[in-house]
Protein backbone atom coordinates (compact mmCIF):
# COMPACT_ATOMS: atom_id res chain seq x y z
CA MET A 1 73.82 182.30 115.87
CA ASN A 2 74.79 180.15 118.83
CA ALA A 3 78.37 180.26 120.12
CA ARG A 4 80.44 177.20 119.41
CA ALA A 5 80.95 174.66 122.14
CA LEU A 6 83.50 175.13 124.91
CA ARG A 7 86.37 172.90 123.83
CA VAL A 8 88.16 171.10 126.64
CA GLY A 9 91.32 169.04 126.25
CA LEU A 10 91.69 166.29 128.85
CA THR A 11 95.13 164.74 129.12
CA GLY A 12 97.42 162.80 131.42
CA GLY A 13 99.95 160.00 131.17
CA LEU A 14 99.52 156.24 131.27
CA ALA A 15 97.32 155.10 134.18
CA SER A 16 97.01 158.65 135.50
CA GLY A 17 93.24 158.38 135.95
CA LYS A 18 92.22 160.52 132.98
CA SER A 19 89.91 157.82 131.60
CA THR A 20 88.08 157.70 134.94
CA VAL A 21 87.66 161.47 134.88
CA SER A 22 86.59 161.24 131.24
CA ARG A 23 83.88 158.74 132.15
CA TRP A 24 82.57 160.99 134.92
CA LEU A 25 82.47 163.96 132.53
CA ARG A 26 80.47 161.88 130.06
CA GLU A 27 78.10 160.78 132.82
CA SER A 28 77.62 164.48 133.66
CA GLY A 29 76.19 165.03 130.18
CA PHE A 30 79.20 166.40 128.32
CA GLU A 31 80.18 165.20 124.84
CA VAL A 32 83.44 163.31 125.33
CA ILE A 33 85.52 161.96 122.46
CA ASP A 34 88.40 159.56 123.02
CA ALA A 35 91.38 160.19 120.71
CA ASP A 36 92.23 156.48 120.87
CA ARG A 37 88.81 155.69 119.40
CA LEU A 38 89.42 158.14 116.58
CA VAL A 39 92.78 156.48 115.89
CA ALA A 40 91.06 153.07 115.85
CA GLU A 41 88.60 154.36 113.25
CA LEU A 42 91.41 155.84 111.15
CA TYR A 43 93.23 152.50 111.34
CA GLN A 44 90.35 150.54 109.83
CA SER A 45 90.68 149.12 106.34
CA GLY A 46 90.53 151.96 103.85
CA GLY A 47 91.09 154.60 106.53
CA GLU A 48 93.53 157.48 106.24
CA GLY A 49 95.46 156.14 109.21
CA ALA A 50 95.86 152.71 107.63
CA ALA A 51 97.17 154.36 104.49
CA ALA A 52 99.68 156.35 106.54
CA VAL A 53 100.93 153.23 108.35
CA LEU A 54 101.25 151.37 105.05
CA SER A 55 103.28 154.23 103.60
CA LEU A 56 105.55 154.49 106.65
CA PHE A 57 106.13 150.85 107.58
CA GLY A 58 104.93 148.67 104.72
CA PRO A 59 102.22 145.99 104.38
CA GLY A 60 103.58 143.89 107.26
CA MET A 61 101.87 146.25 109.71
CA LEU A 62 98.41 145.57 108.25
CA ASP A 63 96.21 142.53 108.74
CA GLU A 64 94.62 140.45 106.00
CA ARG A 65 91.72 142.93 105.74
CA GLY A 66 93.98 145.92 105.27
CA ALA A 67 93.42 147.31 108.77
CA VAL A 68 96.31 148.26 111.03
CA ASP A 69 97.59 145.53 113.33
CA HIS A 70 97.70 147.53 116.58
CA ALA A 71 99.99 145.10 118.41
CA LYS A 72 102.61 145.12 115.66
CA VAL A 73 102.58 148.89 115.36
CA ALA A 74 102.83 149.33 119.13
CA ALA A 75 105.78 146.93 119.32
CA ARG A 76 107.51 148.84 116.53
CA VAL A 77 107.02 152.41 117.71
CA PHE A 78 107.58 151.90 121.43
CA SER A 79 111.00 150.42 120.72
CA ASP A 80 111.99 152.92 118.03
CA PRO A 81 111.71 156.65 118.85
CA ALA A 82 112.22 157.70 115.23
CA ALA A 83 109.42 155.41 114.05
CA ARG A 84 107.14 156.72 116.80
CA ALA A 85 107.86 160.32 115.81
CA SER A 86 107.09 159.56 112.17
CA LEU A 87 103.82 157.86 113.05
CA GLU A 88 102.74 160.67 115.37
CA ALA A 89 103.53 163.29 112.72
CA ALA A 90 101.26 161.44 110.30
CA ILE A 91 98.40 160.51 112.65
CA HIS A 92 98.01 163.51 114.96
CA PRO A 93 96.79 165.88 112.23
CA LEU A 94 94.22 163.30 111.12
CA VAL A 95 92.89 162.96 114.68
CA ARG A 96 92.66 166.72 115.08
CA LYS A 97 90.81 167.09 111.76
CA ARG A 98 88.34 164.34 112.69
CA PHE A 99 87.64 165.89 116.11
CA VAL A 100 86.95 169.29 114.54
CA GLU A 101 84.63 167.71 111.98
CA MET A 102 82.71 165.78 114.64
CA THR A 103 82.21 168.77 116.93
CA ALA A 104 81.64 171.55 114.40
CA ALA A 105 77.94 171.79 115.26
CA SER A 106 78.25 170.87 118.95
CA GLN A 107 76.92 173.08 121.73
CA GLY A 108 77.73 173.28 125.42
CA VAL A 109 80.93 171.43 126.31
CA VAL A 110 82.96 169.03 124.17
CA VAL A 111 85.95 167.15 125.57
CA LEU A 112 88.79 165.43 123.75
CA GLU A 113 90.59 162.85 125.87
CA ALA A 114 94.12 162.40 124.54
CA THR A 115 97.34 161.25 126.20
CA LEU A 116 99.57 163.33 123.91
CA LEU A 117 97.19 166.25 123.50
CA VAL A 118 99.81 168.87 124.31
CA GLU A 119 102.73 167.08 122.66
CA ALA A 120 100.68 166.65 119.48
CA GLY A 121 100.19 170.39 119.24
CA TYR A 122 96.43 170.34 119.86
CA ALA A 123 96.45 172.75 122.82
CA PRO A 124 95.93 176.01 120.89
CA GLY A 125 92.58 174.73 119.61
CA PHE A 126 91.13 174.34 123.11
CA ASP A 127 89.59 176.80 125.53
CA LEU A 128 90.73 174.82 128.57
CA ILE A 129 93.39 172.16 129.07
CA VAL A 130 92.99 169.80 132.04
CA THR A 131 95.64 167.27 133.03
CA VAL A 132 95.26 164.39 135.47
CA GLU A 133 98.51 163.69 137.27
CA ALA A 134 99.87 161.01 139.59
CA PRO A 135 103.37 159.91 140.64
CA CYS A 136 105.20 157.85 138.02
CA GLU A 137 105.66 154.87 140.36
CA ALA A 138 101.95 154.78 141.17
CA ARG A 139 101.05 154.95 137.48
CA PHE A 140 103.44 152.10 136.72
CA GLU A 141 101.91 149.89 139.42
CA ARG A 142 98.37 150.72 138.27
CA ALA A 143 99.22 149.83 134.66
CA VAL A 144 100.70 146.49 135.71
CA ALA A 145 97.77 145.77 138.05
CA ARG A 146 95.32 146.13 135.18
CA GLY A 147 97.18 143.65 133.00
CA MET A 148 100.01 145.41 131.18
CA ASP A 149 103.32 143.58 131.40
CA ARG A 150 106.09 145.41 133.21
CA GLY A 151 108.26 145.88 130.12
CA SER A 152 105.44 147.45 128.11
CA ALA A 153 104.49 149.71 131.01
CA GLU A 154 108.09 150.91 131.35
CA ALA A 155 108.38 151.52 127.60
CA ARG A 156 105.16 153.53 127.47
CA LEU A 157 106.03 155.64 130.48
CA LEU A 158 109.45 156.34 128.99
CA ALA A 159 107.93 157.24 125.61
CA GLN A 160 105.50 159.68 127.23
CA GLY A 161 108.29 161.57 129.00
CA ASP A 162 108.06 163.32 132.36
CA GLY A 163 104.83 165.19 131.56
CA GLY A 164 106.41 168.60 132.05
CA ALA A 165 105.01 169.99 128.80
CA ARG A 166 101.42 169.02 129.56
CA ARG A 167 101.62 170.35 133.12
CA GLU A 168 103.00 173.65 131.86
CA ALA A 169 100.27 173.95 129.22
CA ALA A 170 97.40 172.93 131.51
CA HIS A 171 94.95 175.44 132.91
CA ARG A 172 93.73 172.95 135.51
CA LEU A 173 95.60 170.10 137.23
CA ILE A 174 93.73 167.23 138.86
CA ASP A 175 95.79 165.36 141.45
CA ASN A 176 95.26 161.61 141.48
CA SER A 177 97.80 160.71 144.13
CA GLY A 178 95.05 159.92 146.65
CA ASP A 179 92.00 157.67 146.71
CA GLU A 180 89.05 157.64 144.31
CA ALA A 181 86.97 159.91 146.56
CA HIS A 182 89.73 162.54 146.33
CA LEU A 183 89.73 162.24 142.56
CA ARG A 184 85.93 162.40 142.39
CA ARG A 185 85.75 165.62 144.40
CA GLN A 186 88.08 167.34 141.97
CA ALA A 187 86.18 165.97 138.97
CA ASP A 188 82.90 167.26 140.41
CA GLU A 189 84.46 170.70 140.88
CA LEU A 190 85.61 170.60 137.26
CA VAL A 191 82.10 169.70 136.09
CA GLU A 192 80.64 172.71 137.86
CA GLU A 193 83.35 174.98 136.46
CA LEU A 194 82.75 173.77 132.90
CA LYS A 195 79.01 174.34 133.26
CA ARG A 196 79.65 177.90 134.41
CA LEU A 197 82.10 178.59 131.60
CA ALA A 198 79.76 177.18 128.97
CA ALA A 199 76.80 179.17 130.33
CA GLY A 200 78.80 182.38 130.14
CA ARG A 201 79.70 182.07 126.47
């Protein structure tokens, strides 16, 4: 019987560069699953996530098809810490369950990219936690440069906290305070490490 896949959690705050690293990992042949995509699927009409949002916040948070209105939910939870905590408590277990289902038969390396991977309590289910880090000011400017308004960027950074928990839980830290070449070198080193770890299982 083949060993199960090496499970890697990839995390990092808003505009930290984790999605860039995630893309490079996918291009290297690893199975990469984006937690945001899983949430989007759960939020579709008839999905468990849509049912949870309806139960928590009422029908005003759903569109005419019964799917979650992402903009309305984001506006609600990023201005109300209690609402955000309630939503996360309902959605995080559904995301974790879906990831486990999708990767049950996977081999090699599987990666879950998730901003709140550590805060959601996912870390114990992973063999390796990798966080991509950059200074808060740089992340704020990157988020604004790619189209997010300054108020939303500030609210999201505040909601995500200082990142201390994810840095403490991480086995590997990728520093994205430099240029893309600096980031790429570290990502390439991670790829080689993951290949070695997977081969040794």
